[in-house]
Amino acid sequence: MSTTTEPVATKLELDVKIDKPSTCERHIVVTVPRKEVDRYLKVAFDDLGPKAELPGFRVGKAPRKLLESKFREQISDQVKSSLVMDSLQQVTESGEFSAISEPDMDYGAVEIPKTGDFKFEFKIEVRPEFDTPNWKGLTLSRPVHTLSDKEVDAQLAKTLVRFSDGIAIDAPADLGDSLTVDITFAHDGKEIGTIEEEKVSVRKRLSFADAMLENFGETVIGAKEGDTVKTTLKIGETSTNEEYRGKTIDVAISLIEVRRQVVDELRESVLEQLGFSDPVELRAFVREELEKQLGYFQQQEIRKQVTAILTKDAQWDMPKTLVDRQTNRELQRRAMELQRSGFGNDEIRGYLNAGRRNAQEMTIAALREHFVLEKIAEDLTIEPTPEEYDAEIALIANNSGNSVRSVRARLERTGQMDTLRNQIIERRVIESIIEEAKVTDVEDASFLSGIPDDAALEYTVAPMAADIPEAKYDSKPTDGQAEGSTVKLQA
């Protein structure tokens, strides 16, 4: 028989023991006194009595003893669920800790005893306990730079690769050309992966999710269509595939086509294809892109200074489960930051590949920064407004060429709205810190060399089933695609 047990409103009397295995973990044992168990059982049977149907008795007239005998197992399961849920809510809302994950418990092993107290235990990840660091009056430096025409033209060549295929040439490949290639990876004579007909720019290096081909430019420059060139790379020590960590992989690159951009001879058809009326308008667009990127590097440089000061004492141990779960979240945050700042897909891939190769270190640092900035946000009662969400989504949509509606839908479907929330909060906190800081402008053009001069492919050379999922930044999930889940870092 199906019954519905109404929640019991009165606060539970609980005995709660909290152990601290590490700064960000709590092991909690909850003991529910027998009188509370009996109270919940009574409510459940009182609710069942008037509706119970048993042979030989009118509806609602069966003896209580018979009801308890007949439905005890079913009612016990319902009471167990109610007691666990109510106890968890009471414990997590007690203010003893600030949870950042769902409780980890073996629910199936928990049983309501026939006599005596009801006891269960669980583990949960929590925000570290610490006093808000002094964030007012910091001394900071901000890089500034006036872009030259030469710097704009250098960026223009890279920008054209994003929008135009250039002209197919029967000449040796050179730096800045666009190639269509097949790449084969092998170890000890055994093929471990292939890439087919992939477009890639000729840059000094070529990055993958788990490796860097340091001599890519040196290897392909001078090769022509139809040539196959060979080299090697090493799998990174942080690869998720332990079998291949540090191993040397043979790489064969076959050039299918070589294409070249001619910046000084921009054809009218190319300009029309790009949506510009003349080269002057195109260069103005590229200058604006670079200005956005300068703004991004200014923010990142100041953020780096701020967080270095505020987290110098925040050397908390981070549970592996937390780091693993938050790695993809941090990649998503970085991708959104880069996209809103006008970076192209190849540059974003380069940054994200570098992050994946140093995933654990990057995520631990990001978590420590987040905990500190979130604490300051809590003190300042900072919470994003609907208008701020709209503005962020509009920026991402504008820079990715997608509609605002599709970007919002993708963020909601893939659980990235919480990532966007944290991004807005952290930026507002940094802005508040800057307002109270002593900031000195310093001429610095190093951001131009800081823009990755690497070609990048979203490819794992030595993959495995449990490899870190890649952050998607400019395509929405297809129908039926599994959606990622993230844990909101609670204030």
Protein backbone atom coordinates (compact mmCIF):
# COMPACT_ATOMS: atom_id res chain seq x y z
CA MET A 1 0.00 0.00 0.00
CA SER A 2 1.30 3.46 -0.89
CA THR A 3 1.34 6.15 1.77
CA THR A 4 2.65 9.69 2.00
CA THR A 5 4.34 10.76 5.20
CA GLU A 6 4.00 14.45 5.92
CA PRO A 7 7.13 16.15 7.28
CA VAL A 8 7.33 16.52 11.05
CA ALA A 9 7.63 20.24 11.78
CA THR A 10 9.16 20.12 15.26
CA LYS A 11 12.94 20.50 15.33
CA LEU A 12 14.79 17.25 15.93
CA GLU A 13 16.83 16.60 19.05
CA LEU A 14 20.12 15.36 17.63
CA ASP A 15 23.53 14.36 18.90
CA VAL A 16 25.98 15.48 16.22
CA LYS A 17 29.70 14.67 16.28
CA ILE A 18 31.88 16.46 13.73
CA ASP A 19 35.43 15.32 12.97
CA LYS A 20 37.82 17.28 10.72
CA PRO A 21 39.94 14.91 8.63
CA SER A 22 41.27 17.97 6.74
CA THR A 23 40.58 21.66 6.31
CA CYS A 24 37.94 21.11 3.62
CA GLU A 25 36.41 17.84 4.88
CA ARG A 26 34.07 16.93 7.69
CA HIS A 27 33.12 13.45 8.91
CA ILE A 28 29.79 13.67 10.70
CA VAL A 29 28.02 11.10 12.88
CA VAL A 30 24.37 11.86 13.63
CA THR A 31 22.50 10.09 16.43
CA VAL A 32 18.71 10.43 16.51
CA PRO A 33 17.29 9.54 19.97
CA ARG A 34 14.72 6.74 20.11
CA LYS A 35 11.98 9.10 21.19
CA GLU A 36 12.40 11.04 17.94
CA VAL A 37 12.27 7.84 15.91
CA ASP A 38 9.06 6.86 17.70
CA ARG A 39 7.63 10.34 17.10
CA TYR A 40 8.20 10.04 13.36
CA LEU A 41 6.81 6.48 13.34
CA LYS A 42 3.69 7.63 15.17
CA VAL A 43 3.07 10.43 12.66
CA ALA A 44 3.54 7.99 9.79
CA PHE A 45 1.14 5.40 11.21
CA ASP A 46 -1.36 8.10 12.20
CA ASP A 47 -1.31 9.23 8.57
CA LEU A 48 -1.67 5.64 7.31
CA GLY A 49 -4.48 4.54 9.67
CA PRO A 50 -7.47 6.33 8.12
CA LYS A 51 -6.49 5.16 4.62
CA ALA A 52 -5.41 1.57 5.28
CA GLU A 53 -7.29 -1.23 3.53
CA LEU A 54 -6.96 -4.71 5.04
CA PRO A 55 -9.09 -7.81 4.37
CA GLY A 56 -11.90 -8.20 6.97
CA PHE A 57 -11.83 -4.56 8.04
CA ARG A 58 -13.50 -1.44 6.76
CA VAL A 59 -11.20 1.25 5.38
CA GLY A 60 -9.45 2.96 8.25
CA LYS A 61 -10.73 0.54 10.92
CA ALA A 62 -7.85 -1.98 11.09
CA PRO A 63 -6.26 -2.37 14.56
CA ARG A 64 -3.06 -0.39 15.12
CA LYS A 65 -1.07 -3.52 16.06
CA LEU A 66 -2.06 -5.16 12.78
CA LEU A 67 -1.10 -2.06 10.81
CA GLU A 68 2.30 -1.94 12.49
CA SER A 69 2.86 -5.61 11.75
CA LYS A 70 1.73 -5.40 8.15
CA PHE A 71 3.35 -2.13 7.10
CA ARG A 72 6.34 -1.77 9.45
CA GLU A 73 8.98 -2.34 6.76
CA GLN A 74 7.37 0.11 4.34
CA ILE A 75 6.78 2.74 7.03
CA SER A 76 10.33 2.26 8.36
CA ASP A 77 11.75 3.05 4.90
CA GLN A 78 9.65 6.21 4.70
CA VAL A 79 10.62 7.29 8.22
CA LYS A 80 14.27 6.59 7.46
CA SER A 81 14.08 8.88 4.44
CA SER A 82 12.32 11.62 6.43
CA LEU A 83 14.72 11.40 9.38
CA VAL A 84 17.81 11.45 7.18
CA MET A 85 16.59 14.36 5.06
CA ASP A 86 15.39 16.41 8.04
CA SER A 87 18.58 15.67 10.00
CA LEU A 88 20.83 16.60 7.06
CA GLN A 89 18.99 19.86 6.56
CA GLN A 90 19.19 20.68 10.26
CA VAL A 91 22.90 19.83 10.47
CA THR A 92 23.92 21.69 7.30
CA GLU A 93 21.90 24.77 8.32
CA SER A 94 23.35 24.82 11.84
CA GLY A 95 26.19 27.16 10.89
CA GLU A 96 28.86 24.69 12.03
CA PHE A 97 30.28 24.59 8.50
CA SER A 98 29.57 25.83 4.98
CA ALA A 99 28.99 22.91 2.61
CA ILE A 100 30.29 22.98 -0.97
CA SER A 101 29.13 19.50 -2.01
CA GLU A 102 26.35 17.04 -1.43
CA PRO A 103 26.77 14.65 1.55
CA ASP A 104 28.63 11.43 0.73
CA MET A 105 26.92 8.56 2.55
CA ASP A 106 26.01 4.93 2.04
CA TYR A 107 22.25 5.37 2.26
CA GLY A 108 21.53 1.71 1.53
CA ALA A 109 23.48 0.63 4.62
CA VAL A 110 21.40 2.87 6.91
CA GLU A 111 18.55 1.14 8.76
CA ILE A 112 15.99 2.13 11.38
CA PRO A 113 16.63 -0.20 14.36
CA LYS A 114 13.69 -1.95 16.04
CA THR A 115 14.93 -0.62 19.37
CA GLY A 116 17.39 2.03 20.44
CA ASP A 117 18.69 5.17 18.77
CA PHE A 118 19.00 5.68 15.02
CA LYS A 119 22.54 6.48 13.87
CA PHE A 120 24.05 7.34 10.48
CA GLU A 121 27.22 9.02 9.21
CA PHE A 122 28.39 10.91 6.17
CA LYS A 123 31.28 12.90 4.75
CA ILE A 124 30.96 16.34 3.23
CA GLU A 125 33.28 18.89 1.62
CA VAL A 126 33.22 22.33 3.23
CA ARG A 127 34.63 25.78 2.79
CA PRO A 128 37.69 26.38 4.98
CA GLU A 129 37.20 28.32 8.18
CA PHE A 130 39.30 31.50 8.25
CA ASP A 131 39.13 35.20 9.06
CA THR A 132 38.71 37.61 6.17
CA PRO A 133 42.18 38.90 5.24
CA ASN A 134 42.83 42.63 5.22
CA TRP A 135 42.13 43.64 1.62
CA LYS A 136 42.05 47.43 1.90
CA GLY A 137 44.96 49.69 1.00
CA LEU A 138 46.95 47.18 -1.08
CA THR A 139 49.77 48.50 -3.29
CA LEU A 140 49.28 47.31 -6.88
CA SER A 141 50.69 48.00 -10.34
CA ARG A 142 48.64 48.01 -13.55
CA PRO A 143 50.27 47.40 -16.96
CA VAL A 144 49.39 49.96 -19.64
CA HIS A 145 50.40 50.19 -23.29
CA THR A 146 49.53 52.19 -26.41
CA LEU A 147 49.31 49.88 -29.40
CA SER A 148 51.43 50.66 -32.46
CA ASP A 149 50.35 50.11 -36.08
CA LYS A 150 53.05 47.44 -36.40
CA GLU A 151 51.60 45.51 -33.46
CA VAL A 152 48.12 45.77 -34.95
CA ASP A 153 49.35 44.45 -38.32
CA ALA A 154 51.06 41.51 -36.61
CA GLN A 155 47.77 40.63 -34.94
CA LEU A 156 45.89 41.15 -38.21
CA ALA A 157 47.73 38.24 -39.81
CA LYS A 158 46.62 35.96 -36.98
CA THR A 159 43.07 37.30 -37.13
CA LEU A 160 42.74 36.62 -40.86
CA VAL A 161 43.49 32.94 -40.27
CA ARG A 162 40.38 32.78 -38.08
CA PHE A 163 38.08 34.19 -40.76
CA SER A 164 39.66 33.47 -44.13
CA ASP A 165 41.21 30.37 -45.69
CA GLY A 166 43.80 32.40 -47.57
CA ILE A 167 45.21 31.24 -50.89
CA ALA A 168 46.36 27.68 -51.62
CA ILE A 169 50.04 27.71 -52.54
CA ASP A 170 52.47 25.25 -54.06
CA ALA A 171 55.35 26.51 -51.96
CA PRO A 172 57.12 25.51 -48.73
CA ALA A 173 55.14 26.21 -45.54
CA ASP A 174 56.20 29.22 -43.52
CA LEU A 175 55.32 30.77 -40.16
CA GLY A 176 51.71 32.01 -40.16
CA ASP A 177 50.54 29.74 -42.99
CA SER A 178 47.49 27.55 -42.55
CA LEU A 179 47.90 23.79 -43.04
CA THR A 180 45.52 20.92 -43.52
CA VAL A 181 47.25 17.88 -42.01
CA ASP A 182 46.94 14.26 -40.99
CA ILE A 183 48.85 13.43 -37.80
CA THR A 184 49.73 9.96 -36.55
CA PHE A 185 51.00 9.18 -33.04
CA ALA A 186 52.86 5.98 -32.19
CA HIS A 187 54.76 4.47 -29.26
CA ASP A 188 57.23 1.61 -29.64
CA GLY A 189 55.96 1.05 -33.18
CA LYS A 190 52.30 0.83 -32.09
CA GLU A 191 49.87 3.49 -33.32
CA ILE A 192 48.01 5.09 -30.42
CA GLY A 193 46.03 7.78 -32.22
CA THR A 194 45.41 9.74 -35.41
CA ILE A 195 44.09 13.14 -36.46
CA GLU A 196 42.67 13.42 -39.97
CA GLU A 197 42.36 16.51 -42.20
CA GLU A 198 42.75 18.98 -39.35
CA LYS A 199 43.40 22.66 -40.02
CA VAL A 200 46.22 24.17 -37.99
CA SER A 201 48.24 27.38 -38.18
CA VAL A 202 52.02 27.20 -38.47
CA ARG A 203 53.26 28.46 -35.12
CA LYS A 204 56.39 27.77 -33.11
CA ARG A 205 54.66 25.13 -31.00
CA LEU A 206 51.57 22.94 -31.25
CA SER A 207 49.75 22.19 -28.00
CA PHE A 208 47.53 19.25 -27.13
CA ALA A 209 45.56 18.56 -23.97
CA ASP A 210 48.34 16.38 -22.53
CA ALA A 211 51.47 17.35 -24.47
CA MET A 212 53.32 20.15 -26.26
CA LEU A 213 55.02 19.68 -29.62
CA GLU A 214 57.81 22.15 -28.95
CA ASN A 215 59.40 22.07 -32.41
CA PHE A 216 56.24 22.12 -34.54
CA GLY A 217 57.24 25.21 -36.53
CA GLU A 218 60.79 24.00 -37.02
CA THR A 219 59.44 20.63 -38.23
CA VAL A 220 56.84 21.82 -40.79
CA ILE A 221 58.45 25.03 -42.09
CA GLY A 222 59.97 24.23 -45.48
CA ALA A 223 57.70 21.23 -46.09
CA LYS A 224 55.30 21.29 -49.06
CA GLU A 225 51.94 19.82 -49.92
CA GLY A 226 52.30 16.01 -50.09
CA ASP A 227 55.30 15.87 -47.75
CA THR A 228 55.35 13.89 -44.50
CA VAL A 229 57.63 15.10 -41.71
CA LYS A 230 58.48 13.26 -38.51
CA THR A 231 59.37 14.33 -34.99
CA THR A 232 58.68 13.33 -31.38
CA LEU A 233 56.97 14.75 -28.31
CA LYS A 234 56.73 13.82 -24.65
CA ILE A 235 53.48 13.16 -22.81
CA GLY A 236 53.16 15.46 -19.80
CA GLU A 237 53.78 14.20 -16.27
CA THR A 238 50.23 15.27 -15.31
CA SER A 239 48.57 13.15 -18.01
CA THR A 240 45.55 11.23 -16.73
CA ASN A 241 46.94 8.18 -18.51
CA GLU A 242 49.68 7.08 -16.09
CA GLU A 243 51.00 4.47 -18.52
CA TYR A 244 52.24 7.15 -20.92
CA ARG A 245 53.39 9.87 -18.51
CA GLY A 246 56.80 11.17 -19.62
CA LYS A 247 56.91 8.73 -22.55
CA THR A 248 58.32 9.80 -25.92
CA ILE A 249 55.78 9.54 -28.75
CA ASP A 250 56.65 9.36 -32.46
CA VAL A 251 54.74 11.93 -34.52
CA ALA A 252 54.23 11.85 -38.31
CA ILE A 253 52.67 14.94 -39.90
CA SER A 254 51.39 14.70 -43.49
CA LEU A 255 50.74 18.02 -45.26
CA ILE A 256 47.58 17.85 -47.35
CA GLU A 257 47.40 21.55 -48.23
CA VAL A 258 49.27 24.78 -47.54
CA ARG A 259 47.40 28.13 -47.58
CA ARG A 260 48.74 31.65 -47.03
CA GLN A 261 47.34 35.03 -46.03
CA VAL A 262 48.61 38.09 -47.91
CA VAL A 263 47.96 40.96 -45.51
CA ASP A 264 49.17 43.73 -47.81
CA GLU A 265 46.98 42.57 -50.68
CA LEU A 266 43.61 42.08 -49.06
CA ARG A 267 41.22 41.12 -51.81
CA GLU A 268 37.84 42.85 -51.98
CA SER A 269 36.14 39.44 -51.85
CA VAL A 270 37.94 38.63 -48.59
CA LEU A 271 36.93 41.94 -47.03
CA GLU A 272 33.35 41.41 -48.16
CA GLN A 273 33.38 37.90 -46.73
CA LEU A 274 34.57 39.29 -43.40
CA GLY A 275 31.96 42.07 -43.42
CA PHE A 276 34.35 45.01 -43.77
CA SER A 277 34.20 47.76 -46.37
CA ASP A 278 37.95 48.43 -46.53
CA PRO A 279 41.30 47.51 -44.87
CA VAL A 280 41.10 50.52 -42.56
CA GLU A 281 37.87 49.24 -41.01
CA LEU A 282 39.39 45.76 -40.63
CA ARG A 283 42.47 47.13 -38.88
CA ALA A 284 40.22 49.15 -36.54
CA PHE A 285 38.44 45.90 -35.63
CA VAL A 286 41.75 44.17 -34.92
CA ARG A 287 42.93 47.12 -32.80
CA GLU A 288 39.72 46.89 -30.77
CA GLU A 289 40.33 43.16 -30.25
CA LEU A 290 43.82 43.83 -28.97
CA GLU A 291 42.52 46.55 -26.64
CA LYS A 292 40.09 44.02 -25.15
CA GLN A 293 42.94 41.58 -24.68
CA LEU A 294 45.04 44.28 -23.03
CA GLY A 295 42.10 44.85 -20.67
CA TYR A 296 42.02 41.14 -19.90
CA PHE A 297 45.74 41.06 -19.10
CA GLN A 298 45.40 44.15 -16.92
CA GLN A 299 42.67 42.39 -14.94
CA GLN A 300 44.63 39.16 -14.72
CA GLU A 301 47.84 40.90 -13.63
CA ILE A 302 46.05 42.81 -10.89
CA ARG A 303 44.10 39.72 -9.85
CA LYS A 304 47.39 37.80 -9.65
CA GLN A 305 48.88 40.45 -7.36
CA VAL A 306 45.73 40.63 -5.20
CA THR A 307 45.32 36.88 -4.76
CA ALA A 308 49.05 36.38 -4.09
CA ILE A 309 48.73 38.78 -1.15
CA LEU A 310 45.38 37.53 0.14
CA THR A 311 46.10 33.79 -0.16
CA LYS A 312 49.66 33.74 1.18
CA ASP A 313 48.40 32.08 4.38
CA ALA A 314 45.70 30.03 2.65
CA GLN A 315 47.74 26.84 2.22
CA TRP A 316 44.81 24.52 2.90
CA ASP A 317 44.86 20.88 1.85
CA MET A 318 42.28 20.18 -0.85
CA PRO A 319 40.54 16.78 -1.08
CA LYS A 320 41.31 15.00 -4.35
CA THR A 321 37.59 14.52 -5.02
CA LEU A 322 37.05 18.28 -4.78
CA VAL A 323 40.00 19.08 -7.05
CA ASP A 324 38.95 16.50 -9.64
CA ARG A 325 35.37 17.73 -9.68
CA GLN A 326 36.27 21.40 -9.91
CA THR A 327 38.91 21.05 -12.64
CA ASN A 328 36.40 21.23 -15.48
CA ARG A 329 34.59 24.07 -13.73
CA GLU A 330 37.81 26.12 -13.63
CA LEU A 331 38.45 25.43 -17.33
CA GLN A 332 34.91 26.64 -18.06
CA ARG A 333 35.53 29.82 -16.07
CA ARG A 334 38.75 30.54 -17.93
CA ALA A 335 37.11 29.86 -21.29
CA MET A 336 34.30 32.33 -20.55
CA GLU A 337 36.74 34.98 -19.33
CA LEU A 338 38.83 34.62 -22.50
CA GLN A 339 35.83 34.64 -24.80
CA ARG A 340 34.29 37.75 -23.26
CA SER A 341 37.69 39.43 -23.72
CA GLY A 342 37.78 38.88 -27.48
CA PHE A 343 40.21 35.97 -27.80
CA GLY A 344 39.85 33.67 -30.79
CA ASN A 345 39.21 29.94 -30.56
CA ASP A 346 42.82 28.98 -31.30
CA GLU A 347 44.10 31.23 -28.53
CA ILE A 348 41.46 29.93 -26.11
CA ARG A 349 42.41 26.34 -26.94
CA GLY A 350 46.04 27.20 -26.23
CA TYR A 351 45.23 28.57 -22.79
CA LEU A 352 42.94 25.65 -21.94
CA ASN A 353 45.45 23.05 -23.10
CA ALA A 354 48.05 24.65 -20.85
CA GLY A 355 45.52 24.48 -18.02
CA ARG A 356 44.79 20.82 -18.67
CA ARG A 357 48.48 19.97 -18.60
CA ASN A 358 48.73 21.57 -15.15
CA ALA A 359 45.18 20.80 -14.08
CA GLN A 360 45.75 19.89 -10.43
CA GLU A 361 48.01 22.84 -9.62
CA MET A 362 45.72 25.26 -11.48
CA THR A 363 42.56 24.02 -9.76
CA ILE A 364 44.03 24.08 -6.24
CA ALA A 365 45.19 27.68 -6.73
CA ALA A 366 41.81 28.67 -8.18
CA LEU A 367 39.92 27.08 -5.27
CA ARG A 368 42.04 28.90 -2.70
CA GLU A 369 41.47 32.18 -4.53
CA HIS A 370 37.75 31.51 -4.78
CA PHE A 371 37.33 30.76 -1.08
CA VAL A 372 39.05 34.03 -0.12
CA LEU A 373 37.22 36.17 -2.69
CA GLU A 374 33.89 34.56 -1.82
CA LYS A 375 34.48 35.36 1.86
CA ILE A 376 35.06 39.01 1.00
CA ALA A 377 31.96 38.97 -1.23
CA GLU A 378 29.97 37.61 1.70
CA ASP A 379 31.20 40.45 3.93
CA LEU A 380 30.31 42.99 1.23
CA THR A 381 26.95 41.24 0.50
CA ILE A 382 27.84 41.01 -3.19
CA GLU A 383 25.47 38.92 -5.32
CA PRO A 384 25.07 39.17 -9.13
CA THR A 385 22.02 40.97 -10.47
CA PRO A 386 19.95 39.71 -13.44
CA GLU A 387 21.35 42.61 -15.45
CA GLU A 388 24.92 41.45 -14.77
CA TYR A 389 24.09 37.93 -15.97
CA ASP A 390 22.53 39.43 -19.12
CA ALA A 391 25.60 41.60 -19.79
CA GLU A 392 28.03 38.68 -19.40
CA ILE A 393 26.01 36.43 -21.67
CA ALA A 394 25.71 39.21 -24.26
CA LEU A 395 29.52 39.66 -24.27
CA ILE A 396 30.11 35.93 -24.75
CA ALA A 397 27.50 35.80 -27.51
CA ASN A 398 28.96 38.82 -29.31
CA ASN A 399 32.51 37.47 -29.25
CA SER A 400 31.55 33.90 -30.19
CA GLY A 401 29.18 34.82 -33.03
CA ASN A 402 26.27 32.99 -31.39
CA SER A 403 22.90 34.37 -30.33
CA VAL A 404 22.29 35.46 -26.75
CA ARG A 405 19.48 32.93 -26.53
CA SER A 406 21.66 29.98 -27.63
CA VAL A 407 24.51 30.98 -25.27
CA ARG A 408 22.13 31.24 -22.31
CA ALA A 409 20.54 27.89 -23.17
CA ARG A 410 23.97 26.23 -23.40
CA LEU A 411 25.12 27.65 -20.07
CA GLU A 412 21.91 26.51 -18.37
CA ARG A 413 21.95 23.05 -19.96
CA THR A 414 25.58 22.37 -19.06
CA GLY A 415 25.38 23.69 -15.49
CA GLN A 416 27.68 26.66 -16.16
CA MET A 417 25.43 29.39 -14.76
CA ASP A 418 27.01 28.81 -11.33
CA THR A 419 30.42 29.21 -12.96
CA LEU A 420 29.22 32.49 -14.45
CA ARG A 421 27.93 33.54 -11.02
CA ASN A 422 31.34 32.96 -9.44
CA GLN A 423 33.05 34.79 -12.29
CA ILE A 424 30.86 37.89 -11.77
CA ILE A 425 31.29 37.81 -7.99
CA GLU A 426 35.06 37.46 -8.14
CA ARG A 427 35.37 40.30 -10.66
CA ARG A 428 33.24 42.60 -8.50
CA VAL A 429 35.34 41.76 -5.44
CA ILE A 430 38.55 42.55 -7.35
CA GLU A 431 36.99 45.86 -8.47
CA SER A 432 36.15 46.69 -4.83
CA ILE A 433 39.73 45.89 -3.80
CA ILE A 434 41.15 48.09 -6.59
CA GLU A 435 38.94 51.00 -5.48
CA GLU A 436 40.55 50.81 -2.03
CA ALA A 437 44.08 50.13 -3.33
CA LYS A 438 47.04 52.31 -4.31
CA VAL A 439 47.39 51.56 -8.03
CA THR A 440 50.35 52.70 -10.15
CA ASP A 441 50.26 52.47 -13.96
CA VAL A 442 53.39 50.88 -15.45
CA GLU A 443 54.24 50.81 -19.17
CA ASP A 444 54.33 47.15 -20.14
CA ALA A 445 53.86 45.58 -23.59
CA SER A 446 54.69 42.05 -22.44
CA PHE A 447 51.05 41.05 -22.80
CA LEU A 448 51.62 40.91 -26.57
CA SER A 449 54.18 38.15 -26.16
CA GLY A 450 51.97 36.64 -23.48
CA ILE A 451 49.24 35.95 -26.05
CA PRO A 452 49.94 32.30 -26.87
CA ASP A 453 51.93 31.98 -30.07
CA ASP A 454 51.06 28.31 -30.12
CA ALA A 455 48.74 26.47 -32.44
CA ALA A 456 46.35 24.36 -30.37
CA LEU A 457 44.19 21.31 -30.97
CA GLU A 458 41.52 19.91 -28.67
CA TYR A 459 43.05 16.45 -28.73
CA THR A 460 44.48 14.12 -26.10
CA VAL A 461 47.46 12.19 -27.49
CA ALA A 462 47.32 9.47 -24.80
CA PRO A 463 43.64 9.35 -23.81
CA MET A 464 41.86 7.11 -21.36
CA ALA A 465 38.24 6.62 -20.36
CA ALA A 466 38.54 8.77 -17.24
CA ASP A 467 40.24 11.68 -19.02
CA ILE A 468 39.29 15.21 -17.88
CA PRO A 469 36.29 16.43 -19.92
CA GLU A 470 37.02 19.43 -22.08
CA ALA A 471 35.32 22.79 -21.50
CA LYS A 472 33.17 23.72 -24.47
CA TYR A 473 33.16 27.39 -25.23
CA ASP A 474 31.55 28.03 -28.58
CA SER A 475 29.20 25.18 -29.43
CA LYS A 476 26.03 24.11 -27.71
CA PRO A 477 25.41 20.47 -26.75
CA THR A 478 23.77 18.31 -29.36
CA ASP A 479 20.50 16.57 -28.64
CA GLY A 480 21.09 13.69 -26.28
CA GLN A 481 24.48 14.93 -25.14
CA ALA A 482 25.12 14.27 -21.46
CA GLU A 483 25.05 17.47 -19.46
CA GLY A 484 27.77 18.23 -16.93
CA SER A 485 26.98 18.82 -13.29
CA THR A 486 28.79 21.27 -11.07
CA VAL A 487 28.62 22.09 -7.40
CA LYS A 488 27.91 25.68 -6.47
CA LEU A 489 30.50 26.92 -4.01
CA GLN A 490 28.25 28.17 -1.25
CA ALA A 491 28.92 31.35 0.65
